[in-house]
Amino acid sequence: MSTDDTTRELPTTRTDDPGRPGRPGEPTRAGRPGRTILVGISALLVGASAVGPAFGYVQGRDDGQPIDESGTTAATSFAIDADRADVTIVRTDGDEIEWSVTGGRATTRVELTEDGDTARLEVDDAREIWLDVGPSFDVSWMGSAVTPTARVTLAVPEGTDIDVANDFGQLEAEDVALGDLGVSASFGSVRVSGSAENLDLELDYGDATATDLAVTGTIEIYSDFGDVELRSPEVPAAVDVESSFGDVTVALPPANYSVSHTSDLGEASDRLEKNGDGDPVPVRLHTSFGAVTAETY
């Protein structure tokens, strides 16, 4: 098949031989005229008589090879928006952010945009089908049951703000020195160590592990299904950690804390050493199903 973009009309006729309803070109049950699925969708969307709409398929690189792209940017804030990617973040002594995207499928698409001090890297799949009477429909999930995952690697200078939105994939940041770190993921775990000014993790399915991560600002971590473990050698400004299904463990150095630790179905313990003057640091820990533990770092 040609790898060029194509637009073609789907056939709308089938034989009248007995058989199960099938794809274009397959027989249908006797006495029942065949129809294309897209024609039915077109009629549903526009409420008009069925007129065969266009079917589009976007193929990736002509060589059929996985992605392999890289570059640098002087931005101080870097955002990643990915459909399916494993993300690795490391520290660099240089002044610029170095990024690379490798692996994935031949249809993996990469686009970097810059606006002032902010750079945005999009990693998605170029395959789509669309109707000429309606919106696009993403079908990148179709095909092999095991889809190769793209690998995104960032080497960032100290103080860089990072924001990651990822549908499928892991994130690992080891011994980093970041500004704000925000991660939103549907399926995948997060592991972070080093330091960050503020930490905001929101996971649907996956564990959140931040060990030896010094955070001086606010810490917000939420996981629908997964364990949360946070161990900070620095006293943060505030802590809010919650899991719907999973254990919550938080270790902080001695300081003046106001702790709320609850579990709807599980044990909750507070062994966090509290001392010092001034306004207490608010710490809220909660899980619906699992154990909650607050302890001294």
Protein backbone atom coordinates (compact mmCIF):
# COMPACT_ATOMS: atom_id res chain seq x y z
CA MET A 1 0.00 0.00 0.00
CA SER A 2 1.29 3.46 -0.77
CA THR A 3 2.38 5.44 2.26
CA ASP A 4 1.11 8.68 0.72
CA ASP A 5 -2.02 10.30 2.19
CA THR A 6 -5.09 8.96 0.39
CA THR A 7 -8.76 9.82 0.13
CA ARG A 8 -11.07 7.21 -1.29
CA GLU A 9 -14.73 6.27 -1.52
CA LEU A 10 -15.70 3.07 0.29
CA PRO A 11 -17.75 0.57 -1.74
CA THR A 12 -21.43 0.47 -0.83
CA THR A 13 -22.51 -2.75 -2.55
CA ARG A 14 -22.25 -6.41 -1.55
CA THR A 15 -23.44 -9.68 -2.97
CA ASP A 16 -26.85 -11.06 -2.07
CA ASP A 17 -25.48 -14.50 -1.21
CA PRO A 18 -26.37 -15.82 2.26
CA GLY A 19 -23.86 -15.02 4.95
CA ARG A 20 -23.21 -12.92 8.02
CA PRO A 21 -23.12 -9.10 7.83
CA GLY A 22 -19.55 -8.21 7.14
CA ARG A 23 -17.09 -5.67 5.90
CA PRO A 24 -17.28 -4.20 2.39
CA GLY A 25 -16.88 -6.97 -0.12
CA GLU A 26 -18.21 -9.70 2.24
CA PRO A 27 -21.64 -11.33 1.72
CA THR A 28 -24.68 -10.31 3.76
CA ARG A 29 -27.75 -12.27 4.83
CA ALA A 30 -30.15 -12.99 1.94
CA GLY A 31 -32.71 -10.28 1.34
CA ARG A 32 -30.90 -7.65 3.45
CA PRO A 33 -29.03 -4.99 1.46
CA GLY A 34 -25.51 -4.23 2.64
CA ARG A 35 -24.51 -0.78 3.89
CA THR A 36 -21.21 0.73 4.84
CA ILE A 37 -20.75 1.73 8.48
CA LEU A 38 -19.60 5.19 7.50
CA VAL A 39 -22.77 5.86 5.53
CA GLY A 40 -24.81 4.98 8.61
CA ILE A 41 -22.70 7.32 10.73
CA SER A 42 -23.09 10.07 8.14
CA ALA A 43 -26.87 9.74 8.21
CA LEU A 44 -26.87 9.78 12.01
CA LEU A 45 -24.75 12.91 12.18
CA VAL A 46 -26.54 15.02 9.60
CA GLY A 47 -30.03 13.51 9.69
CA ALA A 48 -30.11 13.30 5.92
CA SER A 49 -30.10 10.62 3.27
CA ALA A 50 -27.00 8.46 3.26
CA VAL A 51 -24.31 9.82 1.01
CA GLY A 52 -21.00 7.98 1.04
CA PRO A 53 -18.52 10.21 2.88
CA ALA A 54 -14.79 10.24 2.38
CA PHE A 55 -12.51 7.92 4.33
CA GLY A 56 -9.08 9.25 5.17
CA TYR A 57 -5.96 7.53 6.48
CA VAL A 58 -2.79 9.37 7.38
CA GLN A 59 0.37 7.31 7.09
CA GLY A 60 3.56 8.29 8.88
CA ARG A 61 7.09 8.37 7.54
CA ASP A 62 7.63 6.99 4.06
CA ASP A 63 10.52 4.78 5.23
CA GLY A 64 8.21 3.00 7.70
CA GLN A 65 10.76 3.36 10.49
CA PRO A 66 10.19 4.37 14.13
CA ILE A 67 10.70 7.98 15.11
CA ASP A 68 14.17 9.39 15.86
CA GLU A 69 14.17 13.15 16.37
CA SER A 70 16.03 15.47 18.73
CA GLY A 71 16.79 19.13 19.34
CA THR A 72 17.53 21.87 21.86
CA THR A 73 15.66 24.88 23.17
CA ALA A 74 16.53 27.83 25.39
CA ALA A 75 13.06 27.75 27.01
CA THR A 76 12.80 27.78 30.80
CA SER A 77 9.45 25.94 30.82
CA PHE A 78 8.87 22.69 28.93
CA ALA A 79 5.56 20.89 28.39
CA ILE A 80 4.99 17.40 26.97
CA ASP A 81 1.64 16.28 25.56
CA ALA A 82 1.81 12.60 24.61
CA ASP A 83 -0.60 9.85 23.64
CA ARG A 84 1.80 7.00 24.45
CA ALA A 85 5.34 7.62 25.68
CA ASP A 86 7.83 6.70 28.38
CA VAL A 87 9.41 9.90 29.66
CA THR A 88 12.85 10.21 31.25
CA ILE A 89 14.10 13.48 32.77
CA VAL A 90 17.73 14.03 33.77
CA ARG A 91 19.78 17.03 34.84
CA THR A 92 22.23 18.86 32.61
CA ASP A 93 24.88 21.44 33.46
CA GLY A 94 24.23 23.24 30.17
CA ASP A 95 22.04 26.28 29.61
CA GLU A 96 19.60 24.70 27.15
CA ILE A 97 17.06 21.91 27.29
CA GLU A 98 18.02 18.90 25.20
CA TRP A 99 15.16 16.69 24.00
CA SER A 100 14.85 13.52 21.93
CA VAL A 101 12.05 11.20 20.84
CA THR A 102 12.87 7.67 19.67
CA GLY A 103 11.02 4.42 19.02
CA GLY A 104 7.26 4.23 18.68
CA ARG A 105 5.63 3.38 15.36
CA ALA A 106 6.16 4.59 11.84
CA THR A 107 3.08 6.74 12.38
CA THR A 108 4.37 8.42 15.57
CA ARG A 109 4.33 12.17 15.03
CA VAL A 110 6.43 14.78 16.86
CA GLU A 111 5.95 18.55 16.87
CA LEU A 112 7.84 21.15 18.93
CA THR A 113 6.43 24.65 19.28
CA GLU A 114 7.92 27.58 21.19
CA ASP A 115 6.25 30.67 22.58
CA GLY A 116 8.57 32.98 24.45
CA ASP A 117 10.20 31.06 27.31
CA THR A 118 7.83 28.10 26.92
CA ALA A 119 8.37 25.08 24.66
CA ARG A 120 5.75 22.40 23.99
CA LEU A 121 6.46 18.93 22.62
CA GLU A 122 3.55 16.93 21.19
CA VAL A 123 3.93 13.21 20.60
CA ASP A 124 0.96 11.46 19.04
CA ASP A 125 -0.08 9.07 16.28
CA ALA A 126 -0.79 10.40 12.79
CA ARG A 127 -3.45 7.77 12.04
CA GLU A 128 -6.97 9.14 11.97
CA ILE A 129 -10.20 8.51 10.17
CA TRP A 130 -12.59 11.34 9.54
CA LEU A 131 -15.90 12.05 7.89
CA ASP A 132 -16.33 14.84 5.40
CA VAL A 133 -19.45 15.87 7.35
CA GLY A 134 -18.15 15.72 10.90
CA PRO A 135 -15.21 15.79 13.31
CA SER A 136 -12.11 13.62 13.34
CA PHE A 137 -11.97 10.32 15.21
CA ASP A 138 -8.68 9.08 16.67
CA VAL A 139 -8.11 5.40 15.95
CA SER A 140 -4.45 5.21 16.94
CA TRP A 141 -5.42 2.44 19.37
CA MET A 142 -6.33 0.16 16.48
CA GLY A 143 -3.89 -2.37 15.15
CA SER A 144 -1.45 -4.47 17.15
CA ALA A 145 -2.48 -5.36 20.68
CA VAL A 146 1.00 -4.30 21.79
CA THR A 147 1.77 -0.84 20.45
CA PRO A 148 5.46 0.18 20.54
CA THR A 149 5.93 3.06 22.95
CA ALA A 150 7.88 6.17 22.04
CA ARG A 151 10.69 7.20 24.39
CA VAL A 152 11.01 10.87 25.30
CA THR A 153 14.22 12.00 27.00
CA LEU A 154 14.79 15.46 28.47
CA ALA A 155 18.04 16.86 29.85
CA VAL A 156 17.09 20.06 31.68
CA PRO A 157 19.01 22.81 33.49
CA GLU A 158 18.38 23.54 37.14
CA GLY A 159 15.13 25.38 37.85
CA THR A 160 13.29 24.31 34.67
CA ASP A 161 9.50 24.04 34.98
CA ILE A 162 8.15 20.74 33.60
CA ASP A 163 4.55 19.86 32.79
CA VAL A 164 3.69 16.42 31.39
CA ALA A 165 0.33 15.13 30.14
CA ASN A 166 0.57 11.48 29.08
CA ASP A 167 -2.15 8.97 28.25
CA PHE A 168 -0.02 5.81 28.44
CA GLY A 169 3.52 5.49 29.75
CA GLN A 170 5.92 5.82 32.65
CA LEU A 171 7.77 8.90 33.88
CA GLU A 172 11.12 8.75 35.66
CA ALA A 173 13.09 11.77 36.84
CA GLU A 174 16.23 10.88 38.80
CA ASP A 175 18.34 13.36 40.76
CA VAL A 176 16.76 16.35 39.04
CA ALA A 177 16.70 19.99 40.22
CA LEU A 178 13.44 21.37 38.88
CA GLY A 179 11.22 24.37 39.35
CA ASP A 180 7.59 23.26 39.23
CA LEU A 181 6.87 19.65 38.24
CA GLY A 182 3.35 18.75 37.12
CA VAL A 183 2.34 15.34 35.78
CA SER A 184 -1.06 14.15 34.58
CA ALA A 185 -1.23 10.52 33.43
CA SER A 186 -4.01 8.09 32.60
CA PHE A 187 -2.06 4.82 32.71
CA GLY A 188 1.48 4.76 34.07
CA SER A 189 3.61 5.21 37.16
CA VAL A 190 5.78 8.15 38.20
CA ARG A 191 9.15 8.00 40.01
CA VAL A 192 10.94 11.21 41.01
CA SER A 193 14.02 12.05 43.07
CA GLY A 194 16.12 15.18 43.56
CA SER A 195 14.41 18.51 44.19
CA ALA A 196 11.49 20.62 43.01
CA GLU A 197 9.91 23.87 44.10
CA ASN A 198 6.35 22.54 43.74
CA LEU A 199 5.03 19.06 42.95
CA ASP A 200 1.63 18.25 41.39
CA LEU A 201 0.94 14.64 40.34
CA GLU A 202 -2.44 13.39 39.15
CA LEU A 203 -2.66 9.74 38.09
CA ASP A 204 -5.63 7.63 37.06
CA TYR A 205 -3.92 4.22 37.19
CA GLY A 206 -0.37 4.02 38.54
CA ASP A 207 1.91 4.37 41.53
CA ALA A 208 3.46 7.71 42.50
CA THR A 209 6.88 7.42 44.14
CA ALA A 210 8.84 10.49 45.21
CA THR A 211 11.73 9.33 47.37
CA ASP A 212 14.49 11.71 48.50
CA LEU A 213 12.65 14.52 46.74
CA ALA A 214 13.19 17.87 48.44
CA VAL A 215 10.11 20.07 47.91
CA THR A 216 9.97 23.52 49.53
CA GLY A 217 6.61 24.59 48.09
CA THR A 218 3.31 22.73 47.88
CA ILE A 219 2.90 19.00 47.31
CA GLU A 220 -0.29 17.67 45.72
CA ILE A 221 -0.53 14.00 44.72
CA TYR A 222 -3.64 12.11 43.67
CA SER A 223 -4.02 8.57 42.33
CA ASP A 224 -7.27 6.79 41.52
CA PHE A 225 -5.71 3.32 41.61
CA GLY A 226 -2.17 3.11 42.95
CA ASP A 227 0.11 3.52 45.95
CA VAL A 228 1.61 6.88 46.85
CA GLU A 229 4.99 7.18 48.59
CA LEU A 230 6.55 10.56 49.37
CA ARG A 231 9.80 11.09 51.31
CA SER A 232 11.08 14.67 51.46
CA PRO A 233 14.19 15.82 53.35
CA GLU A 234 12.84 19.40 53.24
CA VAL A 235 9.85 20.90 55.03
CA PRO A 236 7.24 21.77 52.40
CA ALA A 237 4.70 24.59 52.55
CA ALA A 238 1.72 22.20 52.40
CA VAL A 239 0.98 18.54 51.64
CA ASP A 240 -2.19 17.06 50.15
CA VAL A 241 -2.01 13.37 49.20
CA GLU A 242 -4.93 11.10 48.32
CA SER A 243 -5.54 7.69 46.76
CA SER A 244 -8.88 6.04 46.05
CA PHE A 245 -7.44 2.51 46.04
CA GLY A 246 -3.92 2.25 47.44
CA ASP A 247 -1.59 2.88 50.37
CA VAL A 248 -0.38 6.38 51.24
CA THR A 249 3.01 6.82 52.93
CA VAL A 250 4.53 10.25 53.66
CA ALA A 251 7.82 10.93 55.48
CA LEU A 252 8.84 14.49 56.40
CA PRO A 253 11.56 16.02 58.63
CA PRO A 254 10.56 17.25 62.11
CA ALA A 255 8.61 20.52 62.03
CA ASN A 256 5.37 22.10 63.22
CA TYR A 257 2.67 20.15 61.36
CA SER A 258 -1.10 19.97 61.46
CA VAL A 259 -1.87 16.44 60.29
CA SER A 260 -5.12 14.94 59.03
CA HIS A 261 -4.70 11.23 58.22
CA THR A 262 -7.73 9.09 57.37
CA SER A 263 -8.58 5.81 55.70
CA ASP A 264 -12.11 4.65 54.96
CA LEU A 265 -11.06 1.00 54.94
CA GLY A 266 -7.60 0.46 56.42
CA GLU A 267 -5.23 1.52 59.18
CA ALA A 268 -4.16 5.14 59.65
CA SER A 269 -1.13 6.06 61.78
CA ASP A 270 0.67 9.32 62.55
CA ARG A 271 4.29 8.91 63.69
CA LEU A 272 5.44 12.26 62.34
CA GLU A 273 7.62 14.21 64.79
CA LYS A 274 6.17 17.66 65.41
CA ASN A 275 8.09 20.59 66.86
CA GLY A 276 8.92 24.22 66.18
CA ASP A 277 7.08 27.51 66.26
CA GLY A 278 5.07 29.52 63.78
CA ASP A 279 2.13 28.50 61.69
CA PRO A 280 1.81 24.73 61.34
CA VAL A 281 2.32 23.12 57.94
CA PRO A 282 -0.97 21.54 56.81
CA VAL A 283 -0.66 17.85 55.94
CA ARG A 284 -3.71 15.97 54.62
CA LEU A 285 -3.43 12.26 53.85
CA HIS A 286 -6.36 10.11 52.79
CA THR A 287 -7.21 6.85 51.09
CA SER A 288 -10.51 5.11 50.56
CA PHE A 289 -9.06 1.58 50.53
CA GLY A 290 -5.58 1.09 51.98
CA ALA A 291 -3.25 2.14 54.78
CA VAL A 292 -2.20 5.71 55.62
CA THR A 293 1.15 6.34 57.30
CA ALA A 294 2.77 9.64 58.34
CA GLU A 295 6.29 9.25 59.69
CA THR A 296 9.51 11.14 60.28
CA TYR A 297 12.08 11.34 57.50
